[in-house]
Amino acid sequence: MDFSVMFGVMSVLPLIMFVVFFAFVVVVFVKILGQKRANDRSPQLTVDAEVVGKRTEISHRHHSSEHHMSHTSTYYYVTFQVESGDRMELHVPGYEYGLMIEGDFGELTFQGTRFLSFARKAPAMDES
């Protein structure tokens, strides 16, 4: 391959990488904004639900600089099952996550994919 052609491609490569990165950031931002807007337009619902699963996701970022810094974030998710048998996994605050255990039954309040609250209550007793 000719040196001048190779040099031309290499000089355009940073611009292409910047455009791809910028497009990625815009797509992520639009997706987050769209989900927020959909949640805002959804009705607030309160339903009987059971906690059927819990999980965490840990994100670790290391910043390369003079003062080697790192940042760790933990995200908490709870899977609820409603009376119809449908399940939904919602992102919950850490303090709420810590209060819930699998098998808890209560009233789940949510708006779209946004968790609002979970009020534990005693399960209904079957009359035999």
Protein backbone atom coordinates (compact mmCIF):
# COMPACT_ATOMS: atom_id res chain seq x y z
CA MET A 1 0.00 0.00 0.00
CA ASP A 2 1.22 3.49 -0.85
CA PHE A 3 2.56 5.51 2.12
CA SER A 4 0.48 8.60 1.23
CA VAL A 5 -2.76 6.55 1.18
CA MET A 6 -1.88 4.96 4.53
CA PHE A 7 -1.06 8.40 6.02
CA GLY A 8 -4.39 9.76 4.71
CA VAL A 9 -6.35 6.95 6.36
CA MET A 10 -4.46 7.39 9.65
CA SER A 11 -5.12 11.13 9.73
CA VAL A 12 -8.90 10.56 9.35
CA LEU A 13 -9.06 7.74 11.91
CA PRO A 14 -9.19 10.01 15.03
CA LEU A 15 -12.09 11.95 13.49
CA ILE A 16 -13.97 8.73 12.74
CA MET A 17 -13.38 7.48 16.29
CA PHE A 18 -14.64 10.79 17.74
CA VAL A 19 -17.79 10.69 15.59
CA VAL A 20 -18.53 7.07 16.61
CA PHE A 21 -17.98 7.89 20.29
CA PHE A 22 -20.16 11.01 20.09
CA ALA A 23 -22.93 9.06 18.32
CA PHE A 24 -22.78 6.38 21.04
CA VAL A 25 -23.13 9.02 23.79
CA VAL A 26 -26.09 10.61 21.99
CA VAL A 27 -27.85 7.23 21.55
CA VAL A 28 -27.40 6.34 25.25
CA PHE A 29 -28.62 9.79 26.34
CA VAL A 30 -31.71 9.57 24.10
CA LYS A 31 -32.48 6.07 25.41
CA ILE A 32 -32.24 7.18 29.06
CA LEU A 33 -34.35 10.27 28.38
CA GLY A 34 -36.95 8.17 26.52
CA GLN A 35 -37.24 5.70 29.43
CA LYS A 36 -37.61 8.56 31.93
CA ARG A 37 -40.31 10.13 29.80
CA ALA A 38 -42.16 6.80 29.41
CA ASN A 39 -42.05 6.29 33.19
CA ASP A 40 -43.33 9.83 33.81
CA ARG A 41 -46.29 9.17 31.51
CA SER A 42 -47.12 5.78 33.05
CA PRO A 43 -49.71 5.56 35.83
CA GLN A 44 -48.61 4.82 39.38
CA LEU A 45 -49.78 1.31 40.20
CA THR A 46 -49.99 -0.48 43.53
CA VAL A 47 -50.30 -4.28 43.33
CA ASP A 48 -49.86 -7.26 45.63
CA ALA A 49 -46.47 -8.81 44.91
CA GLU A 50 -43.93 -11.25 46.27
CA VAL A 51 -40.16 -10.81 46.30
CA VAL A 52 -38.87 -13.77 44.29
CA GLY A 53 -35.28 -12.72 43.60
CA LYS A 54 -32.56 -10.23 44.42
CA ARG A 55 -29.27 -9.35 42.73
CA THR A 56 -26.58 -6.71 42.75
CA GLU A 57 -24.43 -5.29 39.98
CA ILE A 58 -21.07 -3.80 40.86
CA SER A 59 -19.41 -1.28 38.58
CA HIS A 60 -15.75 -0.49 39.17
CA ARG A 61 -13.95 2.37 37.44
CA HIS A 62 -10.27 3.12 37.73
CA HIS A 63 -9.13 6.63 36.89
CA SER A 64 -5.58 6.84 35.64
CA SER A 65 -4.10 10.06 36.87
CA GLU A 66 -1.46 11.32 39.26
CA HIS A 67 -3.53 10.14 42.24
CA HIS A 68 -4.59 6.63 41.17
CA MET A 69 -8.27 6.89 42.02
CA SER A 70 -11.00 4.32 41.65
CA HIS A 71 -14.74 4.45 42.06
CA THR A 72 -17.09 1.57 42.77
CA SER A 73 -20.88 1.73 42.43
CA THR A 74 -23.34 -0.94 43.50
CA TYR A 75 -26.76 -1.20 41.86
CA TYR A 76 -29.54 -3.19 43.52
CA TYR A 77 -32.31 -5.10 41.72
CA VAL A 78 -35.32 -7.00 43.07
CA THR A 79 -37.59 -9.32 41.08
CA PHE A 80 -41.25 -9.15 42.06
CA GLN A 81 -43.98 -11.59 41.07
CA VAL A 82 -47.53 -10.25 40.92
CA GLU A 83 -50.77 -12.21 41.34
CA SER A 84 -51.08 -12.88 37.58
CA GLY A 85 -47.72 -14.70 37.70
CA ASP A 86 -45.90 -11.96 35.76
CA ARG A 87 -42.48 -10.98 37.03
CA MET A 88 -40.68 -7.66 36.88
CA GLU A 89 -37.18 -6.73 37.93
CA LEU A 90 -36.85 -3.20 39.29
CA HIS A 91 -33.85 -1.13 40.32
CA VAL A 92 -34.29 -0.30 44.03
CA PRO A 93 -32.37 1.90 46.48
CA GLY A 94 -29.84 0.09 48.66
CA TYR A 95 -31.71 0.80 51.90
CA GLU A 96 -34.88 -0.79 50.45
CA TYR A 97 -32.91 -3.75 49.07
CA GLY A 98 -31.51 -4.47 52.52
CA LEU A 99 -34.99 -4.63 54.06
CA MET A 100 -36.37 -7.19 51.59
CA ILE A 101 -35.88 -10.94 51.60
CA GLU A 102 -37.03 -13.53 49.10
CA GLY A 103 -40.53 -14.66 50.03
CA ASP A 104 -41.64 -11.27 51.38
CA PHE A 105 -45.20 -10.44 50.38
CA GLY A 106 -46.60 -6.93 50.22
CA GLU A 107 -47.83 -4.01 48.17
CA LEU A 108 -45.52 -2.90 45.38
CA THR A 109 -45.93 0.62 44.05
CA PHE A 110 -44.24 1.40 40.75
CA GLN A 111 -44.50 3.70 37.75
CA GLY A 112 -43.44 2.13 34.47
CA THR A 113 -40.03 0.64 35.25
CA ARG A 114 -39.49 2.97 38.25
CA PHE A 115 -39.69 1.44 41.74
CA LEU A 116 -41.53 3.68 44.22
CA SER A 117 -42.10 1.57 47.34
CA PHE A 118 -42.74 -1.86 48.81
CA ALA A 119 -44.85 -2.23 51.96
CA ARG A 120 -44.49 -5.67 53.51
CA LYS A 121 -47.63 -7.35 54.83
CA ALA A 122 -48.53 -10.75 56.19
CA PRO A 123 -49.58 -13.24 53.48
CA ALA A 124 -53.26 -14.18 53.37
CA MET A 125 -53.99 -17.33 55.34
CA ASP A 126 -55.84 -20.11 53.51
CA GLU A 127 -58.95 -21.17 55.36
CA SER A 128 -59.03 -24.95 55.43
